[in-house]
Amino acid sequence: MQTQSDSLLTEPWLSWAIEIQSIAQNGLTYCKNIYDIERYERLRDLSAEMLAYKTAIPKETVKSLFCNEAGYQTPKIDSRAAIFQDDKILLVQENDGLWSLPGGWIDVLETIHSNTIKEVREEAGLDVKPTFIIAIHEQRKRNFPPFVHPVLKTFVMCEPLGGKFQPNSETVQSAYFALNELPPMNKEKNTPAQIELCFQAHHSSQWTTQFD
């Protein structure tokens, strides 16, 4: 059965808008000719118009989210921690009531390893030891809604070392869940299928990192 996310990914206009924006941003990065700069800026403007027209989001809002970067365009990286206890996985609940694996964008000067430790400490109050990468997923292929910029989601198996949850600005509680009792998930951050993949890695003695 085709999901809403699948349907969006098959829409050619979304790929066109993303590619036009990427070409424009890369052109603006390297171009020195004033006339070519104007052409690339117009391409960037057109990509925002396409998204605004198809999504009913104001064009200026689209531009602020979609056309606000400089430099050669590359994917953003997100890290998510898989932490197990008694064959249950740790999830954190955010202010909107939805649950996810602790994690977030990899900050400047951080690595996948260090960022995973930092995000778990901030969102779940735990100290962990990252042990291996479960999977690296292209966000638009697996999560909804698909972002207009490319994102690589990295799922990291972690060993808990200690600590205790404390309410914070991002999360209101944490709990461990069995695979058959998952709460409402934030599918932009991780889907039930990705949680199931983490369980498979947890049960495997020789896991091979998956990537797409």
N, C-alpha and C. Protein backbone atom coordinates (compact mmCIF):
# COMPACT_ATOMS: atom_id res chain seq x y z
N MET A 1 0.84 -1.19 0.00
CA MET A 1 0.00 0.00 0.00
C MET A 1 0.88 1.24 0.00
N GLN A 2 0.59 2.19 -0.88
CA GLN A 2 1.39 3.42 -0.98
C GLN A 2 1.01 4.39 0.12
N THR A 3 2.01 4.89 0.84
CA THR A 3 1.78 5.85 1.91
C THR A 3 1.78 7.26 1.35
N GLN A 4 1.38 8.23 2.20
CA GLN A 4 1.42 9.63 1.79
C GLN A 4 2.84 10.07 1.47
N SER A 5 3.79 9.57 2.25
CA SER A 5 5.19 9.90 1.99
C SER A 5 5.63 9.35 0.64
N ASP A 6 5.25 8.10 0.33
CA ASP A 6 5.59 7.51 -0.95
C ASP A 6 5.02 8.34 -2.08
N SER A 7 3.76 8.80 -1.91
CA SER A 7 3.10 9.58 -2.94
C SER A 7 3.86 10.87 -3.23
N LEU A 8 4.30 11.56 -2.18
CA LEU A 8 5.05 12.79 -2.37
C LEU A 8 6.37 12.54 -3.09
N LEU A 9 7.01 11.43 -2.74
CA LEU A 9 8.31 11.15 -3.34
C LEU A 9 8.21 10.82 -4.82
N THR A 10 7.02 10.39 -5.28
CA THR A 10 6.84 10.10 -6.69
C THR A 10 6.42 11.33 -7.48
N GLU A 11 6.18 12.45 -6.80
CA GLU A 11 5.81 13.68 -7.48
C GLU A 11 7.05 14.29 -8.13
N PRO A 12 7.10 14.38 -9.46
CA PRO A 12 8.33 14.89 -10.10
C PRO A 12 8.65 16.33 -9.74
N TRP A 13 7.63 17.16 -9.45
CA TRP A 13 7.90 18.56 -9.17
C TRP A 13 8.77 18.74 -7.94
N LEU A 14 8.66 17.83 -6.96
CA LEU A 14 9.46 17.95 -5.75
C LEU A 14 10.94 17.73 -6.06
N SER A 15 11.22 16.69 -6.85
CA SER A 15 12.61 16.45 -7.26
C SER A 15 13.15 17.59 -8.11
N TRP A 16 12.29 18.12 -9.00
CA TRP A 16 12.73 19.24 -9.84
C TRP A 16 13.10 20.46 -8.99
N ALA A 17 12.23 20.79 -8.04
CA ALA A 17 12.48 21.96 -7.20
C ALA A 17 13.75 21.79 -6.38
N ILE A 18 13.96 20.60 -5.83
CA ILE A 18 15.16 20.34 -5.04
C ILE A 18 16.41 20.44 -5.90
N GLU A 19 16.36 19.88 -7.13
CA GLU A 19 17.53 19.91 -8.00
C GLU A 19 17.82 21.34 -8.48
N ILE A 20 16.77 22.08 -8.81
CA ILE A 20 16.97 23.47 -9.23
C ILE A 20 17.62 24.28 -8.11
N GLN A 21 17.13 24.11 -6.88
CA GLN A 21 17.71 24.82 -5.75
C GLN A 21 19.16 24.45 -5.56
N SER A 22 19.49 23.16 -5.69
CA SER A 22 20.87 22.71 -5.52
C SER A 22 21.79 23.30 -6.58
N ILE A 23 21.33 23.28 -7.84
CA ILE A 23 22.13 23.86 -8.93
C ILE A 23 22.36 25.35 -8.68
N ALA A 24 21.30 26.04 -8.26
CA ALA A 24 21.41 27.48 -8.02
C ALA A 24 22.38 27.77 -6.87
N GLN A 25 22.27 27.03 -5.78
CA GLN A 25 23.14 27.27 -4.63
C GLN A 25 24.60 26.98 -4.98
N ASN A 26 24.83 25.89 -5.70
CA ASN A 26 26.21 25.57 -6.09
C ASN A 26 26.75 26.62 -7.06
N GLY A 27 25.89 27.09 -7.97
CA GLY A 27 26.31 28.13 -8.90
C GLY A 27 26.68 29.42 -8.19
N LEU A 28 25.86 29.80 -7.21
CA LEU A 28 26.14 31.02 -6.45
C LEU A 28 27.43 30.90 -5.63
N THR A 29 27.79 29.67 -5.28
CA THR A 29 29.01 29.45 -4.50
C THR A 29 30.26 29.74 -5.31
N TYR A 30 30.26 29.33 -6.58
CA TYR A 30 31.48 29.41 -7.38
C TYR A 30 31.47 30.51 -8.45
N CYS A 31 30.29 31.00 -8.79
CA CYS A 31 30.19 31.94 -9.91
C CYS A 31 30.70 33.33 -9.52
N LYS A 32 31.41 33.99 -10.46
CA LYS A 32 31.93 35.35 -10.25
C LYS A 32 31.27 36.36 -11.19
N ASN A 33 30.68 35.87 -12.27
CA ASN A 33 30.09 36.75 -13.26
C ASN A 33 28.76 37.31 -12.76
N ILE A 34 28.60 38.64 -12.76
CA ILE A 34 27.41 39.26 -12.18
C ILE A 34 26.12 38.83 -12.88
N TYR A 35 26.21 38.59 -14.19
CA TYR A 35 25.01 38.20 -14.92
C TYR A 35 24.62 36.75 -14.60
N ASP A 36 25.62 35.89 -14.47
CA ASP A 36 25.32 34.50 -14.09
C ASP A 36 24.80 34.44 -12.65
N ILE A 37 25.31 35.29 -11.78
CA ILE A 37 24.81 35.33 -10.40
C ILE A 37 23.32 35.69 -10.41
N GLU A 38 22.93 36.64 -11.24
CA GLU A 38 21.52 37.01 -11.34
C GLU A 38 20.68 35.82 -11.83
N ARG A 39 21.22 35.06 -12.78
CA ARG A 39 20.48 33.91 -13.30
C ARG A 39 20.32 32.83 -12.23
N TYR A 40 21.39 32.58 -11.47
CA TYR A 40 21.29 31.57 -10.41
C TYR A 40 20.33 32.02 -9.30
N GLU A 41 20.34 33.30 -8.99
CA GLU A 41 19.40 33.81 -7.98
C GLU A 41 17.96 33.64 -8.47
N ARG A 42 17.75 33.83 -9.78
CA ARG A 42 16.41 33.63 -10.33
C ARG A 42 16.01 32.15 -10.29
N LEU A 43 16.95 31.25 -10.55
CA LEU A 43 16.66 29.81 -10.44
C LEU A 43 16.25 29.47 -9.00
N ARG A 44 16.96 30.03 -8.05
CA ARG A 44 16.65 29.77 -6.65
C ARG A 44 15.25 30.29 -6.32
N ASP A 45 14.92 31.45 -6.85
CA ASP A 45 13.61 32.03 -6.63
C ASP A 45 12.52 31.15 -7.26
N LEU A 46 12.79 30.61 -8.44
CA LEU A 46 11.82 29.74 -9.11
C LEU A 46 11.57 28.45 -8.32
N SER A 47 12.63 27.90 -7.73
CA SER A 47 12.45 26.67 -6.94
C SER A 47 11.55 26.94 -5.74
N ALA A 48 11.69 28.12 -5.12
CA ALA A 48 10.82 28.48 -4.00
C ALA A 48 9.39 28.69 -4.47
N GLU A 49 9.22 29.29 -5.65
CA GLU A 49 7.88 29.50 -6.19
C GLU A 49 7.18 28.16 -6.46
N MET A 50 7.93 27.19 -6.97
CA MET A 50 7.35 25.87 -7.23
C MET A 50 6.83 25.23 -5.95
N LEU A 51 7.64 25.28 -4.91
CA LEU A 51 7.23 24.68 -3.63
C LEU A 51 6.06 25.44 -3.02
N ALA A 52 6.10 26.76 -3.10
CA ALA A 52 5.02 27.57 -2.54
C ALA A 52 3.71 27.29 -3.27
N TYR A 53 3.78 27.17 -4.59
CA TYR A 53 2.57 26.93 -5.40
C TYR A 53 1.94 25.57 -5.07
N LYS A 54 2.79 24.54 -4.90
CA LYS A 54 2.27 23.19 -4.70
C LYS A 54 1.90 22.90 -3.25
N THR A 55 2.45 23.65 -2.30
CA THR A 55 2.20 23.36 -0.89
C THR A 55 1.35 24.40 -0.20
N ALA A 56 1.08 25.53 -0.86
CA ALA A 56 0.29 26.63 -0.30
C ALA A 56 1.00 27.31 0.87
N ILE A 57 2.31 27.07 1.00
CA ILE A 57 3.11 27.77 2.01
C ILE A 57 3.60 29.08 1.38
N PRO A 58 3.51 30.21 2.10
CA PRO A 58 3.96 31.48 1.52
C PRO A 58 5.39 31.39 0.98
N LYS A 59 5.61 32.02 -0.15
CA LYS A 59 6.90 31.94 -0.82
C LYS A 59 8.04 32.40 0.07
N GLU A 60 7.86 33.49 0.82
CA GLU A 60 8.93 33.98 1.67
C GLU A 60 9.28 32.98 2.78
N THR A 61 8.25 32.26 3.25
CA THR A 61 8.51 31.22 4.25
C THR A 61 9.33 30.09 3.64
N VAL A 62 8.95 29.68 2.43
CA VAL A 62 9.70 28.64 1.73
C VAL A 62 11.15 29.07 1.53
N LYS A 63 11.36 30.32 1.11
CA LYS A 63 12.71 30.80 0.86
C LYS A 63 13.55 30.81 2.13
N SER A 64 12.92 31.16 3.26
CA SER A 64 13.66 31.22 4.52
C SER A 64 14.09 29.84 4.97
N LEU A 65 13.32 28.80 4.61
CA LEU A 65 13.63 27.44 5.02
C LEU A 65 14.47 26.70 3.99
N PHE A 66 14.23 27.02 2.72
CA PHE A 66 14.74 26.22 1.62
C PHE A 66 15.92 26.87 0.91
N CYS A 67 16.01 28.18 0.97
CA CYS A 67 17.02 28.92 0.19
C CYS A 67 17.86 29.81 1.08
N ASN A 68 18.16 29.37 2.29
CA ASN A 68 18.84 30.24 3.24
C ASN A 68 20.29 29.83 3.49
N GLU A 69 20.81 28.91 2.70
CA GLU A 69 22.17 28.44 2.94
C GLU A 69 23.11 28.93 1.85
N ALA A 70 24.39 28.94 2.17
CA ALA A 70 25.42 29.28 1.21
C ALA A 70 26.44 28.16 1.18
N GLY A 71 27.23 28.13 0.11
CA GLY A 71 28.21 27.07 -0.02
C GLY A 71 27.67 25.88 -0.78
N TYR A 72 28.55 24.99 -1.16
CA TYR A 72 28.15 23.81 -1.92
C TYR A 72 27.16 22.99 -1.11
N GLN A 73 26.05 22.62 -1.74
CA GLN A 73 24.99 21.96 -1.00
C GLN A 73 25.30 20.48 -0.78
N THR A 74 25.27 20.06 0.46
CA THR A 74 25.48 18.67 0.84
C THR A 74 24.42 18.28 1.86
N PRO A 75 24.21 16.97 2.08
CA PRO A 75 23.19 16.56 3.05
C PRO A 75 23.52 16.98 4.48
N LYS A 76 22.49 17.26 5.26
CA LYS A 76 22.64 17.43 6.70
C LYS A 76 22.66 16.04 7.34
N ILE A 77 23.25 15.94 8.53
CA ILE A 77 23.36 14.64 9.20
C ILE A 77 22.66 14.71 10.55
N ASP A 78 21.86 13.69 10.82
CA ASP A 78 21.10 13.56 12.06
C ASP A 78 21.52 12.25 12.72
N SER A 79 21.71 12.24 14.02
CA SER A 79 22.06 10.99 14.72
C SER A 79 20.97 10.64 15.73
N ARG A 80 20.64 9.35 15.80
CA ARG A 80 19.62 8.83 16.71
C ARG A 80 20.20 7.65 17.49
N ALA A 81 19.98 7.62 18.79
CA ALA A 81 20.56 6.59 19.65
C ALA A 81 19.57 5.48 19.95
N ALA A 82 20.01 4.25 19.78
CA ALA A 82 19.21 3.07 20.16
C ALA A 82 19.79 2.50 21.45
N ILE A 83 19.01 2.59 22.53
CA ILE A 83 19.46 2.16 23.86
C ILE A 83 18.47 1.12 24.37
N PHE A 84 18.96 -0.04 24.78
CA PHE A 84 18.07 -1.12 25.18
C PHE A 84 18.25 -1.49 26.66
N GLN A 85 17.13 -1.92 27.24
CA GLN A 85 17.11 -2.45 28.60
C GLN A 85 15.99 -3.49 28.68
N ASP A 86 16.33 -4.71 29.06
CA ASP A 86 15.35 -5.80 29.17
C ASP A 86 14.56 -5.96 27.87
N ASP A 87 15.26 -5.92 26.75
CA ASP A 87 14.68 -6.08 25.41
C ASP A 87 13.62 -5.02 25.11
N LYS A 88 13.79 -3.84 25.70
CA LYS A 88 12.94 -2.69 25.39
C LYS A 88 13.84 -1.53 24.98
N ILE A 89 13.32 -0.66 24.12
CA ILE A 89 14.10 0.44 23.59
C ILE A 89 13.69 1.76 24.25
N LEU A 90 14.68 2.62 24.47
CA LEU A 90 14.43 3.90 25.12
C LEU A 90 13.89 4.92 24.11
N LEU A 91 12.77 5.56 24.46
CA LEU A 91 12.22 6.65 23.67
C LEU A 91 11.99 7.85 24.58
N VAL A 92 12.03 9.03 23.99
CA VAL A 92 11.75 10.26 24.74
C VAL A 92 10.52 10.93 24.15
N GLN A 93 9.73 11.54 25.02
CA GLN A 93 8.52 12.24 24.57
C GLN A 93 8.81 13.73 24.51
N GLU A 94 8.46 14.33 23.37
CA GLU A 94 8.70 15.75 23.18
C GLU A 94 7.47 16.56 23.55
N ASN A 95 7.59 17.88 23.47
CA ASN A 95 6.52 18.76 23.91
C ASN A 95 5.23 18.59 23.13
N ASP A 96 5.31 18.07 21.90
CA ASP A 96 4.10 17.86 21.09
C ASP A 96 3.41 16.55 21.40
N GLY A 97 3.93 15.77 22.37
CA GLY A 97 3.30 14.52 22.77
C GLY A 97 3.80 13.31 22.02
N LEU A 98 4.57 13.50 20.95
CA LEU A 98 5.07 12.38 20.16
C LEU A 98 6.41 11.89 20.72
N TRP A 99 6.76 10.64 20.36
CA TRP A 99 7.94 9.99 20.90
C TRP A 99 8.97 9.75 19.80
N SER A 100 10.23 9.71 20.21
CA SER A 100 11.30 9.44 19.25
C SER A 100 12.52 8.90 19.98
N LEU A 101 13.45 8.37 19.20
CA LEU A 101 14.76 8.04 19.75
C LEU A 101 15.48 9.34 20.10
N PRO A 102 16.21 9.40 21.19
CA PRO A 102 16.95 10.62 21.49
C PRO A 102 17.99 10.89 20.41
N GLY A 103 18.09 12.16 20.02
CA GLY A 103 19.05 12.52 18.98
C GLY A 103 18.74 13.87 18.38
N GLY A 104 19.47 14.21 17.32
CA GLY A 104 19.26 15.49 16.67
C GLY A 104 20.34 15.78 15.65
N TRP A 105 20.31 17.02 15.12
CA TRP A 105 21.30 17.43 14.13
C TRP A 105 22.71 17.35 14.72
N ILE A 106 23.66 16.96 13.90
CA ILE A 106 25.05 16.94 14.34
C ILE A 106 25.60 18.36 14.28
N ASP A 107 26.01 18.88 15.42
CA ASP A 107 26.48 20.25 15.51
C ASP A 107 27.89 20.41 14.94
N VAL A 108 28.20 21.64 14.60
CA VAL A 108 29.56 21.96 14.18
C VAL A 108 30.54 21.57 15.29
N LEU A 109 31.65 21.00 14.91
CA LEU A 109 32.72 20.52 15.80
C LEU A 109 32.38 19.21 16.49
N GLU A 110 31.20 18.65 16.21
CA GLU A 110 30.83 17.34 16.77
C GLU A 110 31.00 16.27 15.69
N THR A 111 31.15 15.02 16.13
CA THR A 111 31.14 13.86 15.25
C THR A 111 29.88 13.07 15.51
N ILE A 112 29.62 12.04 14.69
CA ILE A 112 28.48 11.17 14.96
C ILE A 112 28.59 10.60 16.36
N HIS A 113 29.79 10.18 16.73
CA HIS A 113 30.03 9.58 18.05
C HIS A 113 29.76 10.58 19.17
N SER A 114 30.41 11.74 19.11
CA SER A 114 30.28 12.71 20.20
C SER A 114 28.89 13.34 20.24
N ASN A 115 28.28 13.56 19.07
CA ASN A 115 26.96 14.17 19.03
C ASN A 115 25.90 13.24 19.62
N THR A 116 26.04 11.95 19.36
CA THR A 116 25.10 10.98 19.93
C THR A 116 25.17 11.00 21.45
N ILE A 117 26.38 11.02 22.00
CA ILE A 117 26.55 11.10 23.45
C ILE A 117 25.90 12.37 24.00
N LYS A 118 26.16 13.49 23.32
CA LYS A 118 25.64 14.79 23.78
C LYS A 118 24.12 14.83 23.76
N GLU A 119 23.51 14.37 22.65
CA GLU A 119 22.06 14.43 22.51
C GLU A 119 21.36 13.51 23.52
N VAL A 120 21.91 12.35 23.78
CA VAL A 120 21.31 11.44 24.77
C VAL A 120 21.37 12.06 26.16
N ARG A 121 22.50 12.67 26.47
CA ARG A 121 22.62 13.31 27.78
C ARG A 121 21.62 14.45 27.93
N GLU A 122 21.45 15.25 26.86
CA GLU A 122 20.55 16.40 26.92
C GLU A 122 19.08 15.98 26.96
N GLU A 123 18.70 14.99 26.15
CA GLU A 123 17.29 14.64 26.00
C GLU A 123 16.83 13.54 26.94
N ALA A 124 17.73 12.64 27.34
CA ALA A 124 17.34 11.50 28.18
C ALA A 124 18.06 11.46 29.52
N GLY A 125 19.03 12.33 29.72
CA GLY A 125 19.74 12.37 31.00
C GLY A 125 20.70 11.22 31.22
N LEU A 126 21.01 10.46 30.18
CA LEU A 126 21.86 9.28 30.33
C LEU A 126 23.24 9.50 29.74
N ASP A 127 24.22 8.82 30.32
CA ASP A 127 25.54 8.71 29.73
C ASP A 127 25.58 7.39 28.97
N VAL A 128 26.08 7.44 27.74
CA VAL A 128 26.10 6.24 26.91
C VAL A 128 27.44 6.08 26.22
N LYS A 129 27.68 4.85 25.75
CA LYS A 129 28.85 4.54 24.94
C LYS A 129 28.36 4.06 23.58
N PRO A 130 28.52 4.84 22.51
CA PRO A 130 28.15 4.37 21.18
C PRO A 130 29.02 3.18 20.78
N THR A 131 28.40 2.13 20.24
CA THR A 131 29.14 0.92 19.92
C THR A 131 29.22 0.62 18.43
N PHE A 132 28.14 0.85 17.68
CA PHE A 132 28.22 0.66 16.23
C PHE A 132 27.04 1.36 15.56
N ILE A 133 27.20 1.60 14.25
CA ILE A 133 26.15 2.25 13.46
C ILE A 133 25.21 1.18 12.90
N ILE A 134 23.94 1.31 13.22
CA ILE A 134 22.94 0.36 12.75
C ILE A 134 22.60 0.61 11.29
N ALA A 135 22.35 1.87 10.96
CA ALA A 135 21.93 2.21 9.60
C ALA A 135 22.15 3.69 9.34
N ILE A 136 22.29 4.02 8.06
CA ILE A 136 22.30 5.40 7.59
C ILE A 136 21.23 5.49 6.52
N HIS A 137 20.16 6.24 6.80
CA HIS A 137 19.00 6.31 5.92
C HIS A 137 18.87 7.69 5.28
N GLU A 138 18.47 7.72 4.03
CA GLU A 138 18.14 8.96 3.35
C GLU A 138 16.72 9.33 3.77
N GLN A 139 16.56 10.48 4.40
CA GLN A 139 15.30 10.83 5.06
C GLN A 139 14.11 10.82 4.12
N ARG A 140 14.27 11.33 2.90
CA ARG A 140 13.12 11.44 1.99
C ARG A 140 12.59 10.08 1.55
N LYS A 141 13.41 9.04 1.66
CA LYS A 141 12.97 7.71 1.25
C LYS A 141 12.16 7.00 2.33
N ARG A 142 12.28 7.44 3.59
CA ARG A 142 11.73 6.64 4.68
C ARG A 142 10.88 7.40 5.69
N ASN A 143 11.04 8.71 5.77
CA ASN A 143 10.37 9.47 6.82
C ASN A 143 9.41 10.49 6.23
N PHE A 144 8.37 10.82 7.00
CA PHE A 144 7.37 11.78 6.55
C PHE A 144 7.20 12.88 7.60
N PRO A 145 7.10 14.15 7.16
CA PRO A 145 7.15 14.60 5.77
C PRO A 145 8.58 14.64 5.26
N PRO A 146 8.80 14.42 3.94
CA PRO A 146 10.15 14.52 3.40
C PRO A 146 10.63 15.96 3.43
N PHE A 147 11.88 16.18 3.84
CA PHE A 147 12.45 17.52 3.86
C PHE A 147 12.82 17.94 2.44
N VAL A 148 12.81 19.24 2.20
CA VAL A 148 13.21 19.73 0.88
C VAL A 148 14.72 19.73 0.72
N HIS A 149 15.47 19.65 1.81
CA HIS A 149 16.92 19.51 1.71
C HIS A 149 17.29 18.09 2.10
N PRO A 150 18.35 17.53 1.52
CA PRO A 150 18.72 16.14 1.82
C PRO A 150 19.21 15.97 3.25
N VAL A 151 18.80 14.87 3.87
CA VAL A 151 19.17 14.56 5.25
C VAL A 151 19.59 13.10 5.33
N LEU A 152 20.71 12.83 5.98
CA LEU A 152 21.13 11.47 6.27
C LEU A 152 20.89 11.20 7.75
N LYS A 153 20.06 10.20 8.04
CA LYS A 153 19.72 9.85 9.42
C LYS A 153 20.58 8.66 9.84
N THR A 154 21.35 8.84 10.89
CA THR A 154 22.26 7.81 11.37
C THR A 154 21.73 7.23 12.68
N PHE A 155 21.53 5.91 12.69
CA PHE A 155 21.04 5.22 13.89
C PHE A 155 22.20 4.50 14.54
N VAL A 156 22.43 4.81 15.82
CA VAL A 156 23.64 4.37 16.52
C VAL A 156 23.26 3.51 17.72
N MET A 157 23.78 2.29 17.78
CA MET A 157 23.57 1.45 18.95
C MET A 157 24.43 1.98 20.09
N CYS A 158 23.83 2.10 21.28
CA CYS A 158 24.54 2.66 22.43
C CYS A 158 24.38 1.78 23.65
N GLU A 159 25.42 1.74 24.45
CA GLU A 159 25.40 1.02 25.73
C GLU A 159 25.19 2.03 26.85
N PRO A 160 24.13 1.86 27.68
CA PRO A 160 23.91 2.81 28.78
C PRO A 160 24.94 2.63 29.87
N LEU A 161 25.43 3.77 30.40
CA LEU A 161 26.45 3.74 31.45
C LEU A 161 25.92 4.25 32.78
N GLY A 162 24.81 4.97 32.76
CA GLY A 162 24.28 5.54 33.98
C GLY A 162 23.54 6.83 33.70
N GLY A 163 23.03 7.45 34.76
CA GLY A 163 22.31 8.70 34.61
C GLY A 163 20.83 8.54 34.89
N LYS A 164 20.11 9.64 34.82
CA LYS A 164 18.69 9.65 35.13
C LYS A 164 18.01 10.77 34.36
N PHE A 165 16.81 10.50 33.88
CA PHE A 165 16.10 11.51 33.10
C PHE A 165 15.75 12.72 33.96
N GLN A 166 15.91 13.90 33.33
CA GLN A 166 15.49 15.15 33.94
C GLN A 166 14.69 15.94 32.90
N PRO A 167 13.50 16.43 33.22
CA PRO A 167 12.74 17.24 32.25
C PRO A 167 13.58 18.40 31.76
N ASN A 168 13.43 18.73 30.48
CA ASN A 168 14.25 19.77 29.88
C ASN A 168 13.44 20.50 28.82
N SER A 169 14.08 21.38 28.07
CA SER A 169 13.37 22.21 27.10
C SER A 169 12.87 21.41 25.90
N GLU A 170 13.42 20.22 25.68
CA GLU A 170 13.07 19.44 24.50
C GLU A 170 12.18 18.25 24.80
N THR A 171 12.36 17.61 25.94
CA THR A 171 11.62 16.38 26.25
C THR A 171 10.98 16.45 27.63
N VAL A 172 9.82 15.79 27.76
CA VAL A 172 9.07 15.84 29.01
C VAL A 172 9.15 14.54 29.81
N GLN A 173 9.48 13.44 29.14
CA GLN A 173 9.67 12.18 29.85
C GLN A 173 10.38 11.18 28.95
N SER A 174 10.87 10.10 29.56
CA SER A 174 11.47 9.01 28.80
C SER A 174 10.95 7.69 29.35
N ALA A 175 10.97 6.67 28.52
CA ALA A 175 10.50 5.35 28.93
C ALA A 175 11.02 4.31 27.96
N TYR A 176 11.05 3.05 28.43
CA TYR A 176 11.45 1.93 27.58
C TYR A 176 10.20 1.22 27.07
N PHE A 177 10.23 0.82 25.78
CA PHE A 177 9.07 0.20 25.15
C PHE A 177 9.47 -1.07 24.42
N ALA A 178 8.60 -2.08 24.51
CA ALA A 178 8.75 -3.26 23.68
C ALA A 178 8.30 -2.92 22.26
N LEU A 179 8.72 -3.73 21.30
CA LEU A 179 8.41 -3.44 19.91
C LEU A 179 6.91 -3.44 19.65
N ASN A 180 6.17 -4.27 20.38
CA ASN A 180 4.72 -4.39 20.15
C ASN A 180 3.90 -3.40 20.97
N GLU A 181 4.56 -2.45 21.64
CA GLU A 181 3.83 -1.47 22.45
C GLU A 181 4.36 -0.05 22.22
N LEU A 182 4.77 0.24 20.99
CA LEU A 182 5.33 1.56 20.70
C LEU A 182 4.25 2.64 20.83
N PRO A 183 4.59 3.78 21.40
CA PRO A 183 3.65 4.90 21.52
C PRO A 183 3.56 5.66 20.20
N PRO A 184 2.72 6.70 20.10
CA PRO A 184 2.66 7.52 18.88
C PRO A 184 4.03 8.10 18.56
N MET A 185 4.50 7.86 17.35
CA MET A 185 5.87 8.22 16.98
C MET A 185 5.92 9.50 16.15
N ASN A 186 7.01 10.24 16.30
CA ASN A 186 7.32 11.36 15.42
C ASN A 186 8.00 10.77 14.18
N LYS A 187 7.22 10.55 13.12
CA LYS A 187 7.73 9.81 11.96
C LYS A 187 8.71 10.62 11.13
N GLU A 188 8.78 11.92 11.38
CA GLU A 188 9.81 12.74 10.74
C GLU A 188 11.18 12.34 11.27
N LYS A 189 11.24 11.92 12.53
CA LYS A 189 12.50 11.60 13.18
C LYS A 189 12.81 10.11 13.12
N ASN A 190 11.81 9.26 13.35
CA ASN A 190 12.01 7.83 13.21
C ASN A 190 10.66 7.14 13.10
N THR A 191 10.58 6.16 12.24
CA THR A 191 9.34 5.43 12.00
C THR A 191 9.35 4.13 12.80
N PRO A 192 8.17 3.51 12.97
CA PRO A 192 8.16 2.18 13.60
C PRO A 192 9.05 1.18 12.89
N ALA A 193 9.15 1.28 11.56
CA ALA A 193 10.03 0.37 10.81
C ALA A 193 11.49 0.58 11.19
N GLN A 194 11.89 1.81 11.43
CA GLN A 194 13.27 2.08 11.84
C GLN A 194 13.52 1.62 13.27
N ILE A 195 12.51 1.72 14.12
CA ILE A 195 12.63 1.17 15.47
C ILE A 195 12.79 -0.35 15.41
N GLU A 196 12.00 -0.99 14.54
CA GLU A 196 12.10 -2.44 14.38
C GLU A 196 13.50 -2.83 13.90
N LEU A 197 14.08 -2.03 13.02
CA LEU A 197 15.44 -2.29 12.55
C LEU A 197 16.43 -2.25 13.71
N CYS A 198 16.22 -1.32 14.62
CA CYS A 198 17.09 -1.24 15.80
C CYS A 198 16.97 -2.50 16.65
N PHE A 199 15.75 -3.03 16.79
CA PHE A 199 15.56 -4.30 17.52
C PHE A 199 16.30 -5.43 16.82
N GLN A 200 16.23 -5.47 15.50
CA GLN A 200 16.92 -6.52 14.75
C GLN A 200 18.42 -6.44 15.00
N ALA A 201 18.97 -5.23 15.01
CA ALA A 201 20.39 -5.06 15.28
C ALA A 201 20.74 -5.49 16.71
N HIS A 202 19.85 -5.18 17.64
CA HIS A 202 20.05 -5.54 19.04
C HIS A 202 20.11 -7.05 19.23
N HIS A 203 19.33 -7.77 18.43
CA HIS A 203 19.26 -9.23 18.56
C HIS A 203 20.32 -9.94 17.73
N SER A 204 21.05 -9.19 16.91
CA SER A 204 22.03 -9.79 16.01
C SER A 204 23.40 -9.87 16.67
N SER A 205 24.11 -10.96 16.42
CA SER A 205 25.47 -11.11 16.96
C SER A 205 26.51 -10.52 16.03
N GLN A 206 26.16 -10.39 14.74
CA GLN A 206 27.08 -9.82 13.77
C GLN A 206 26.29 -8.92 12.81
N TRP A 207 26.04 -7.71 13.24
CA TRP A 207 25.22 -6.80 12.45
C TRP A 207 26.05 -6.11 11.37
N THR A 208 25.46 -5.98 10.18
CA THR A 208 26.07 -5.24 9.09
C THR A 208 25.32 -3.92 8.90
N THR A 209 26.02 -2.82 8.95
CA THR A 209 25.39 -1.50 8.80
C THR A 209 24.62 -1.42 7.50
N GLN A 210 23.39 -0.96 7.57
CA GLN A 210 22.57 -0.76 6.39
C GLN A 210 22.65 0.70 5.95
N PHE A 211 22.65 0.93 4.65
CA PHE A 211 22.67 2.30 4.17
C PHE A 211 22.04 2.38 2.78
N ASP A 212 21.50 3.58 2.47
CA ASP A 212 20.93 3.80 1.14
C ASP A 212 21.28 5.21 0.67
